Amino acid sequence: YGSVQEWVCQGRKSWRKVENFKLLLSSLPPDAARRFVFVGDTGELDQEAGEIMLEEFPSCMQALFLHVVAPDPALVPAPLPRDKLINGA
């Protein structure tokens, strides 16, 4: 899953997730009223990808939920990211 580009350029991981979401949206009928929740973790730029989706697609993104993973096994429990409101979501 992924590519050499994503391994070398870590920022592409969030880009790919956003692009895949755009593909999903484009596959739906234009009049489809859908609301989505993005679920990810704190280890692979999922927070960044989810925030981009919330900002770019406020009419169909409901929320972003993150599973917190420890960047270092010695950091247990892992530090929690701060709560945010983006577009009121």
PDB file of N, CA and C in Angstrom:
ATOM      1  N   TYR A   1       0.850  -1.169   0.000  1.00  0.00           N
ATOM      2  CA  TYR A   1       0.000   0.000   0.000  1.00  0.00           C
ATOM      3  C   TYR A   1       0.886   1.220   0.000  1.00  0.00           C
ATOM      4  N   GLY A   2       0.628   2.135  -0.917  1.00  0.00           N
ATOM      5  CA  GLY A   2       1.471   3.308  -1.010  1.00  0.00           C
ATOM      6  C   GLY A   2       2.474   3.160  -2.132  1.00  0.00           C
ATOM      7  N   SER A   3       3.503   3.985  -2.074  1.00  0.00           N
ATOM      8  CA  SER A   3       4.491   3.975  -3.143  1.00  0.00           C
ATOM      9  C   SER A   3       5.837   4.396  -2.594  1.00  0.00           C
ATOM     10  N   VAL A   4       6.867   4.269  -3.436  1.00  0.00           N
ATOM     11  CA  VAL A   4       8.203   4.726  -3.058  1.00  0.00           C
ATOM     12  C   VAL A   4       8.167   6.235  -2.827  1.00  0.00           C
ATOM     13  N   GLN A   5       7.403   6.962  -3.667  1.00  0.00           N
ATOM     14  CA  GLN A   5       7.288   8.416  -3.479  1.00  0.00           C
ATOM     15  C   GLN A   5       6.786   8.744  -2.082  1.00  0.00           C
ATOM     16  N   GLU A   6       5.795   7.987  -1.601  1.00  0.00           N
ATOM     17  CA  GLU A   6       5.243   8.247  -0.272  1.00  0.00           C
ATOM     18  C   GLU A   6       6.235   7.869   0.823  1.00  0.00           C
ATOM     19  N   TRP A   7       7.076   6.899   0.572  1.00  0.00           N
ATOM     20  CA  TRP A   7       8.084   6.520   1.557  1.00  0.00           C
ATOM     21  C   TRP A   7       9.146   7.606   1.651  1.00  0.00           C
ATOM     22  N   VAL A   8       9.544   8.168   0.502  1.00  0.00           N
ATOM     23  CA  VAL A   8      10.564   9.214   0.474  1.00  0.00           C
ATOM     24  C   VAL A   8       9.969  10.557   0.893  1.00  0.00           C
ATOM     25  N   CYS A   9       8.819  10.891   0.352  1.00  0.00           N
ATOM     26  CA  CYS A   9       8.143  12.167   0.631  1.00  0.00           C
ATOM     27  C   CYS A   9       6.924  11.882   1.496  1.00  0.00           C
ATOM     28  N   GLN A  10       7.092  11.872   2.800  1.00  0.00           N
ATOM     29  CA  GLN A  10       6.030  11.487   3.718  1.00  0.00           C
ATOM     30  C   GLN A  10       4.764  12.321   3.548  1.00  0.00           C
ATOM     31  N   GLY A  11       4.895  13.579   3.130  1.00  0.00           N
ATOM     32  CA  GLY A  11       3.736  14.438   2.952  1.00  0.00           C
ATOM     33  C   GLY A  11       2.770  13.938   1.897  1.00  0.00           C
ATOM     34  N   ARG A  12       3.237  13.090   0.990  1.00  0.00           N
ATOM     35  CA  ARG A  12       2.363  12.540  -0.055  1.00  0.00           C
ATOM     36  C   ARG A  12       1.326  11.583   0.521  1.00  0.00           C
ATOM     37  N   LYS A  13       1.573  11.068   1.718  1.00  0.00           N
ATOM     38  CA  LYS A  13       0.597  10.160   2.315  1.00  0.00           C
ATOM     39  C   LYS A  13      -0.720  10.867   2.554  1.00  0.00           C
ATOM     40  N   SER A  14      -0.666  12.066   3.090  1.00  0.00           N
ATOM     41  CA  SER A  14      -1.917  12.798   3.305  1.00  0.00           C
ATOM     42  C   SER A  14      -2.522  13.205   1.968  1.00  0.00           C
ATOM     43  N   TRP A  15      -1.687  13.571   0.988  1.00  0.00           N
ATOM     44  CA  TRP A  15      -2.177  13.950  -0.333  1.00  0.00           C
ATOM     45  C   TRP A  15      -2.954  12.795  -0.957  1.00  0.00           C
ATOM     46  N   ARG A  16      -2.409  11.573  -0.873  1.00  0.00           N
ATOM     47  CA  ARG A  16      -3.080  10.408  -1.457  1.00  0.00           C
ATOM     48  C   ARG A  16      -4.426  10.164  -0.797  1.00  0.00           C
ATOM     49  N   LYS A  17      -4.502  10.314   0.507  1.00  0.00           N
ATOM     50  CA  LYS A  17      -5.767  10.085   1.211  1.00  0.00           C
ATOM     51  C   LYS A  17      -6.820  11.093   0.765  1.00  0.00           C
ATOM     52  N   VAL A  18      -6.415  12.337   0.587  1.00  0.00           N
ATOM     53  CA  VAL A  18      -7.351  13.362   0.117  1.00  0.00           C
ATOM     54  C   VAL A  18      -7.767  13.067  -1.324  1.00  0.00           C
ATOM     55  N   GLU A  19      -6.824  12.695  -2.168  1.00  0.00           N
ATOM     56  CA  GLU A  19      -7.142  12.373  -3.562  1.00  0.00           C
ATOM     57  C   GLU A  19      -8.084  11.176  -3.653  1.00  0.00           C
ATOM     58  N   ASN A  20      -7.891  10.166  -2.818  1.00  0.00           N
ATOM     59  CA  ASN A  20      -8.792   9.016  -2.812  1.00  0.00           C
ATOM     60  C   ASN A  20     -10.195   9.426  -2.381  1.00  0.00           C
ATOM     61  N   PHE A  21     -10.293  10.356  -1.438  1.00  0.00           N
ATOM     62  CA  PHE A  21     -11.606  10.853  -1.023  1.00  0.00           C
ATOM     63  C   PHE A  21     -12.280  11.592  -2.178  1.00  0.00           C
ATOM     64  N   LYS A  22     -11.504  12.386  -2.926  1.00  0.00           N
ATOM     65  CA  LYS A  22     -12.059  13.081  -4.092  1.00  0.00           C
ATOM     66  C   LYS A  22     -12.567  12.078  -5.123  1.00  0.00           C
ATOM     67  N   LEU A  23     -11.835  10.979  -5.333  1.00  0.00           N
ATOM     68  CA  LEU A  23     -12.296   9.938  -6.251  1.00  0.00           C
ATOM     69  C   LEU A  23     -13.610   9.318  -5.773  1.00  0.00           C
ATOM     70  N   LEU A  24     -13.705   9.075  -4.475  1.00  0.00           N
ATOM     71  CA  LEU A  24     -14.946   8.543  -3.909  1.00  0.00           C
ATOM     72  C   LEU A  24     -16.100   9.494  -4.190  1.00  0.00           C
ATOM     73  N   LEU A  25     -15.900  10.776  -3.921  1.00  0.00           N
ATOM     74  CA  LEU A  25     -16.959  11.761  -4.150  1.00  0.00           C
ATOM     75  C   LEU A  25     -17.352  11.821  -5.620  1.00  0.00           C
ATOM     76  N   SER A  26     -16.382  11.746  -6.509  1.00  0.00           N
ATOM     77  CA  SER A  26     -16.680  11.836  -7.939  1.00  0.00           C
ATOM     78  C   SER A  26     -17.427  10.598  -8.447  1.00  0.00           C
ATOM     79  N   SER A  27     -17.366   9.491  -7.712  1.00  0.00           N
ATOM     80  CA  SER A  27     -18.060   8.279  -8.131  1.00  0.00           C
ATOM     81  C   SER A  27     -19.524   8.263  -7.700  1.00  0.00           C
ATOM     82  N   LEU A  28     -19.919   9.211  -6.860  1.00  0.00           N
ATOM     83  CA  LEU A  28     -21.295   9.270  -6.374  1.00  0.00           C
ATOM     84  C   LEU A  28     -22.157  10.103  -7.318  1.00  0.00           C
ATOM     85  N   PRO A  29     -23.452   9.821  -7.377  1.00  0.00           N
ATOM     86  CA  PRO A  29     -24.331  10.676  -8.169  1.00  0.00           C
ATOM     87  C   PRO A  29     -24.254  12.118  -7.651  1.00  0.00           C
ATOM     88  N   PRO A  30     -24.340  13.104  -8.554  1.00  0.00           N
ATOM     89  CA  PRO A  30     -24.184  14.504  -8.123  1.00  0.00           C
ATOM     90  C   PRO A  30     -25.216  14.954  -7.099  1.00  0.00           C
ATOM     91  N   ASP A  31     -26.381  14.347  -7.105  1.00  0.00           N
ATOM     92  CA  ASP A  31     -27.417  14.764  -6.152  1.00  0.00           C
ATOM     93  C   ASP A  31     -27.394  13.950  -4.858  1.00  0.00           C
ATOM     94  N   ALA A  32     -26.398  13.092  -4.699  1.00  0.00           N
ATOM     95  CA  ALA A  32     -26.309  12.251  -3.506  1.00  0.00           C
ATOM     96  C   ALA A  32     -25.952  13.105  -2.290  1.00  0.00           C
ATOM     97  N   ALA A  33     -26.835  13.116  -1.323  1.00  0.00           N
ATOM     98  CA  ALA A  33     -26.580  13.846  -0.078  1.00  0.00           C
ATOM     99  C   ALA A  33     -25.943  12.871   0.905  1.00  0.00           C
ATOM    100  N   ARG A  34     -24.651  12.969   1.060  1.00  0.00           N
ATOM    101  CA  ARG A  34     -23.913  12.057   1.930  1.00  0.00           C
ATOM    102  C   ARG A  34     -23.131  12.871   2.955  1.00  0.00           C
ATOM    103  N   ARG A  35     -22.931  12.287   4.135  1.00  0.00           N
ATOM    104  CA  ARG A  35     -22.078  12.866   5.166  1.00  0.00           C
ATOM    105  C   ARG A  35     -21.058  11.794   5.526  1.00  0.00           C
ATOM    106  N   PHE A  36     -19.797  12.206   5.643  1.00  0.00           N
ATOM    107  CA  PHE A  36     -18.711  11.273   5.913  1.00  0.00           C
ATOM    108  C   PHE A  36     -18.015  11.612   7.217  1.00  0.00           C
ATOM    109  N   VAL A  37     -17.479  10.577   7.844  1.00  0.00           N
ATOM    110  CA  VAL A  37     -16.623  10.700   9.025  1.00  0.00           C
ATOM    111  C   VAL A  37     -15.298  10.050   8.635  1.00  0.00           C
ATOM    112  N   PHE A  38     -14.195  10.762   8.843  1.00  0.00           N
ATOM    113  CA  PHE A  38     -12.872  10.220   8.543  1.00  0.00           C
ATOM    114  C   PHE A  38     -12.278   9.685   9.838  1.00  0.00           C
ATOM    115  N   VAL A  39     -11.857   8.429   9.820  1.00  0.00           N
ATOM    116  CA  VAL A  39     -11.243   7.792  10.989  1.00  0.00           C
ATOM    117  C   VAL A  39      -9.812   7.428  10.612  1.00  0.00           C
ATOM    118  N   GLY A  40      -8.866   7.870  11.429  1.00  0.00           N
ATOM    119  CA  GLY A  40      -7.464   7.586  11.160  1.00  0.00           C
ATOM    120  C   GLY A  40      -6.698   7.449  12.454  1.00  0.00           C
ATOM    121  N   ASP A  41      -5.382   7.609  12.350  1.00  0.00           N
ATOM    122  CA  ASP A  41      -4.550   7.568  13.554  1.00  0.00           C
ATOM    123  C   ASP A  41      -3.549   8.718  13.508  1.00  0.00           C
ATOM    124  N   THR A  42      -2.829   8.874  14.576  1.00  0.00           N
ATOM    125  CA  THR A  42      -1.889   9.987  14.671  1.00  0.00           C
ATOM    126  C   THR A  42      -0.515   9.646  14.117  1.00  0.00           C
ATOM    127  N   GLY A  43      -0.379   8.495  13.452  1.00  0.00           N
ATOM    128  CA  GLY A  43       0.934   8.068  13.004  1.00  0.00           C
ATOM    129  C   GLY A  43       1.255   8.286  11.535  1.00  0.00           C
ATOM    130  N   GLU A  44       0.273   8.499  10.659  1.00  0.00           N
ATOM    131  CA  GLU A  44       0.527   8.548   9.219  1.00  0.00           C
ATOM    132  C   GLU A  44      -0.080   9.783   8.554  1.00  0.00           C
ATOM    133  N   LEU A  45      -0.024  10.915   9.170  1.00  0.00           N
ATOM    134  CA  LEU A  45      -0.551  12.164   8.614  1.00  0.00           C
ATOM    135  C   LEU A  45      -2.061  12.129   8.385  1.00  0.00           C
ATOM    136  N   ASP A  46      -2.780  11.263   9.081  1.00  0.00           N
ATOM    137  CA  ASP A  46      -4.229  11.203   8.944  1.00  0.00           C
ATOM    138  C   ASP A  46      -4.890  12.483   9.459  1.00  0.00           C
ATOM    139  N   GLN A  47      -4.331  13.079  10.503  1.00  0.00           N
ATOM    140  CA  GLN A  47      -4.909  14.319  11.016  1.00  0.00           C
ATOM    141  C   GLN A  47      -4.857  15.402   9.944  1.00  0.00           C
ATOM    142  N   GLU A  48      -3.721  15.547   9.293  1.00  0.00           N
ATOM    143  CA  GLU A  48      -3.579  16.546   8.235  1.00  0.00           C
ATOM    144  C   GLU A  48      -4.561  16.266   7.099  1.00  0.00           C
ATOM    145  N   ALA A  49      -4.651  15.017   6.663  1.00  0.00           N
ATOM    146  CA  ALA A  49      -5.567  14.656   5.576  1.00  0.00           C
ATOM    147  C   ALA A  49      -7.015  14.938   5.966  1.00  0.00           C
ATOM    148  N   GLY A  50      -7.392  14.556   7.163  1.00  0.00           N
ATOM    149  CA  GLY A  50      -8.763  14.797   7.623  1.00  0.00           C
ATOM    150  C   GLY A  50      -9.095  16.270   7.721  1.00  0.00           C
ATOM    151  N   GLU A  51      -8.150  17.068   8.189  1.00  0.00           N
ATOM    152  CA  GLU A  51      -8.380  18.508   8.280  1.00  0.00           C
ATOM    153  C   GLU A  51      -8.542  19.130   6.892  1.00  0.00           C
ATOM    154  N   ILE A  52      -7.756  18.668   5.928  1.00  0.00           N
ATOM    155  CA  ILE A  52      -7.899  19.163   4.549  1.00  0.00           C
ATOM    156  C   ILE A  52      -9.290  18.810   4.017  1.00  0.00           C
ATOM    157  N   MET A  53      -9.740  17.583   4.259  1.00  0.00           N
ATOM    158  CA  MET A  53     -11.060  17.171   3.790  1.00  0.00           C
ATOM    159  C   MET A  53     -12.159  17.998   4.444  1.00  0.00           C
ATOM    160  N   LEU A  54     -12.027  18.265   5.742  1.00  0.00           N
ATOM    161  CA  LEU A  54     -13.021  19.096   6.432  1.00  0.00           C
ATOM    162  C   LEU A  54     -13.054  20.510   5.857  1.00  0.00           C
ATOM    163  N   GLU A  55     -11.884  21.052   5.532  1.00  0.00           N
ATOM    164  CA  GLU A  55     -11.817  22.408   5.001  1.00  0.00           C
ATOM    165  C   GLU A  55     -12.316  22.483   3.560  1.00  0.00           C
ATOM    166  N   GLU A  56     -11.956  21.496   2.722  1.00  0.00           N
ATOM    167  CA  GLU A  56     -12.313  21.538   1.305  1.00  0.00           C
ATOM    168  C   GLU A  56     -13.728  21.042   1.014  1.00  0.00           C
ATOM    169  N   PHE A  57     -14.274  20.205   1.887  1.00  0.00           N
ATOM    170  CA  PHE A  57     -15.589  19.614   1.636  1.00  0.00           C
ATOM    171  C   PHE A  57     -16.491  19.744   2.871  1.00  0.00           C
ATOM    172  N   PRO A  58     -16.740  20.967   3.323  1.00  0.00           N
ATOM    173  CA  PRO A  58     -17.514  21.140   4.554  1.00  0.00           C
ATOM    174  C   PRO A  58     -18.953  20.636   4.451  1.00  0.00           C
ATOM    175  N   SER A  59     -19.499  20.568   3.231  1.00  0.00           N
ATOM    176  CA  SER A  59     -20.888  20.140   3.087  1.00  0.00           C
ATOM    177  C   SER A  59     -21.066  18.630   3.253  1.00  0.00           C
ATOM    178  N   CYS A  60     -19.991  17.858   3.103  1.00  0.00           N
ATOM    179  CA  CYS A  60     -20.163  16.407   3.221  1.00  0.00           C
ATOM    180  C   CYS A  60     -19.300  15.774   4.306  1.00  0.00           C
ATOM    181  N   MET A  61     -18.359  16.508   4.878  1.00  0.00           N
ATOM    182  CA  MET A  61     -17.545  15.944   5.962  1.00  0.00           C
ATOM    183  C   MET A  61     -18.167  16.296   7.310  1.00  0.00           C
ATOM    184  N   GLN A  62     -18.447  15.280   8.094  1.00  0.00           N
ATOM    185  CA  GLN A  62     -19.076  15.465   9.398  1.00  0.00           C
ATOM    186  C   GLN A  62     -18.041  15.624  10.516  1.00  0.00           C
ATOM    187  N   ALA A  63     -16.999  14.772  10.502  1.00  0.00           N
ATOM    188  CA  ALA A  63     -16.050  14.786  11.619  1.00  0.00           C
ATOM    189  C   ALA A  63     -14.784  14.021  11.261  1.00  0.00           C
ATOM    190  N   LEU A  64     -13.785  14.205  12.104  1.00  0.00           N
ATOM    191  CA  LEU A  64     -12.503  13.502  12.025  1.00  0.00           C
ATOM    192  C   LEU A  64     -12.244  12.895  13.400  1.00  0.00           C
ATOM    193  N   PHE A  65     -12.033  11.591  13.436  1.00  0.00           N
ATOM    194  CA  PHE A  65     -11.698  10.890  14.674  1.00  0.00           C
ATOM    195  C   PHE A  65     -10.336  10.247  14.510  1.00  0.00           C
ATOM    196  N   LEU A  66      -9.487  10.404  15.534  1.00  0.00           N
ATOM    197  CA  LEU A  66      -8.131   9.854  15.478  1.00  0.00           C
ATOM    198  C   LEU A  66      -7.880   8.876  16.612  1.00  0.00           C
ATOM    199  N   HIS A  67      -7.314   7.745  16.257  1.00  0.00           N
ATOM    200  CA  HIS A  67      -6.796   6.795  17.242  1.00  0.00           C
ATOM    201  C   HIS A  67      -5.372   7.260  17.547  1.00  0.00           C
ATOM    202  N   VAL A  68      -5.078   7.500  18.804  1.00  0.00           N
ATOM    203  CA  VAL A  68      -3.763   8.008  19.188  1.00  0.00           C
ATOM    204  C   VAL A  68      -2.794   6.844  19.322  1.00  0.00           C
ATOM    205  N   VAL A  69      -1.694   6.933  18.565  1.00  0.00           N
ATOM    206  CA  VAL A  69      -0.637   5.931  18.650  1.00  0.00           C
ATOM    207  C   VAL A  69       0.625   6.610  19.171  1.00  0.00           C
ATOM    208  N   ALA A  70       1.394   5.877  19.941  1.00  0.00           N
ATOM    209  CA  ALA A  70       2.616   6.422  20.530  1.00  0.00           C
ATOM    210  C   ALA A  70       3.735   6.423  19.484  1.00  0.00           C
ATOM    211  N   PRO A  71       4.378   7.576  19.249  1.00  0.00           N
ATOM    212  CA  PRO A  71       5.503   7.601  18.318  1.00  0.00           C
ATOM    213  C   PRO A  71       6.709   6.833  18.854  1.00  0.00           C
ATOM    214  N   ASP A  72       6.724   6.638  20.150  1.00  0.00           N
ATOM    215  CA  ASP A  72       7.821   5.947  20.816  1.00  0.00           C
ATOM    216  C   ASP A  72       7.200   5.040  21.880  1.00  0.00           C
ATOM    217  N   PRO A  73       7.518   3.740  21.885  1.00  0.00           N
ATOM    218  CA  PRO A  73       6.919   2.836  22.880  1.00  0.00           C
ATOM    219  C   PRO A  73       7.137   3.284  24.325  1.00  0.00           C
ATOM    220  N   ALA A  74       8.152   4.106  24.562  1.00  0.00           N
ATOM    221  CA  ALA A  74       8.394   4.591  25.920  1.00  0.00           C
ATOM    222  C   ALA A  74       7.367   5.646  26.332  1.00  0.00           C
ATOM    223  N   LEU A  75       6.657   6.216  25.359  1.00  0.00           N
ATOM    224  CA  LEU A  75       5.646   7.245  25.641  1.00  0.00           C
ATOM    225  C   LEU A  75       4.264   6.614  25.752  1.00  0.00           C
ATOM    226  N   VAL A  76       4.051   5.931  26.835  1.00  0.00           N
ATOM    227  CA  VAL A  76       2.742   5.326  27.068  1.00  0.00           C
ATOM    228  C   VAL A  76       2.205   5.901  28.361  1.00  0.00           C
ATOM    229  N   PRO A  77       1.060   6.523  28.368  1.00  0.00           N
ATOM    230  CA  PRO A  77       0.177   6.726  27.230  1.00  0.00           C
ATOM    231  C   PRO A  77       0.718   7.800  26.286  1.00  0.00           C
ATOM    232  N   ALA A  78       0.327   7.692  25.036  1.00  0.00           N
ATOM    233  CA  ALA A  78       0.753   8.657  24.020  1.00  0.00           C
ATOM    234  C   ALA A  78       0.096  10.010  24.282  1.00  0.00           C
ATOM    235  N   PRO A  79       0.787  11.091  23.944  1.00  0.00           N
ATOM    236  CA  PRO A  79       0.189  12.415  24.128  1.00  0.00           C
ATOM    237  C   PRO A  79      -1.013  12.609  23.202  1.00  0.00           C
ATOM    238  N   LEU A  80      -2.074  13.187  23.720  1.00  0.00           N
ATOM    239  CA  LEU A  80      -3.288  13.414  22.939  1.00  0.00           C
ATOM    240  C   LEU A  80      -3.206  14.733  22.181  1.00  0.00           C
ATOM    241  N   PRO A  81      -3.634  14.740  20.909  1.00  0.00           N
ATOM    242  CA  PRO A  81      -3.705  16.018  20.201  1.00  0.00           C
ATOM    243  C   PRO A  81      -4.846  16.853  20.776  1.00  0.00           C
ATOM    244  N   ARG A  82      -4.750  18.157  20.631  1.00  0.00           N
ATOM    245  CA  ARG A  82      -5.802  19.051  21.128  1.00  0.00           C
ATOM    246  C   ARG A  82      -7.039  18.951  20.245  1.00  0.00           C
ATOM    247  N   ASP A  83      -8.203  19.095  20.850  1.00  0.00           N
ATOM    248  CA  ASP A  83      -9.445  19.134  20.089  1.00  0.00           C
ATOM    249  C   ASP A  83      -9.466  20.406  19.245  1.00  0.00           C
ATOM    250  N   LYS A  84     -10.117  20.317  18.073  1.00  0.00           N
ATOM    251  CA  LYS A  84     -10.241  21.455  17.169  1.00  0.00           C
ATOM    252  C   LYS A  84     -11.626  21.482  16.570  1.00  0.00           C
ATOM    253  N   LEU A  85     -12.086  22.682  16.244  1.00  0.00           N
ATOM    254  CA  LEU A  85     -13.271  22.846  15.429  1.00  0.00           C
ATOM    255  C   LEU A  85     -12.829  23.387  14.096  1.00  0.00           C
ATOM    256  N   ILE A  86     -13.230  22.726  13.013  1.00  0.00           N
ATOM    257  CA  ILE A  86     -12.915  23.170  11.661  1.00  0.00           C
ATOM    258  C   ILE A  86     -14.236  23.310  10.936  1.00  0.00           C
ATOM    259  N   ASN A  87     -14.540  24.493  10.472  1.00  0.00           N
ATOM    260  CA  ASN A  87     -15.835  24.758   9.828  1.00  0.00           C
ATOM    261  C   ASN A  87     -17.001  24.378  10.741  1.00  0.00           C
ATOM    262  N   GLY A  88     -16.791  24.504  12.038  1.00  0.00           N
ATOM    263  CA  GLY A  88     -17.851  24.183  12.983  1.00  0.00           C
ATOM    264  C   GLY A  88     -18.052  22.703  13.209  1.00  0.00           C
ATOM    265  N   ALA A  89     -17.244  21.844  12.564  1.00  0.00           N
ATOM    266  CA  ALA A  89     -17.417  20.390  12.713  1.00  0.00           C
ATOM    267  C   ALA A  89     -16.469  19.850  13.767  1.00  0.00           C
TER     268      ALA A  89
END
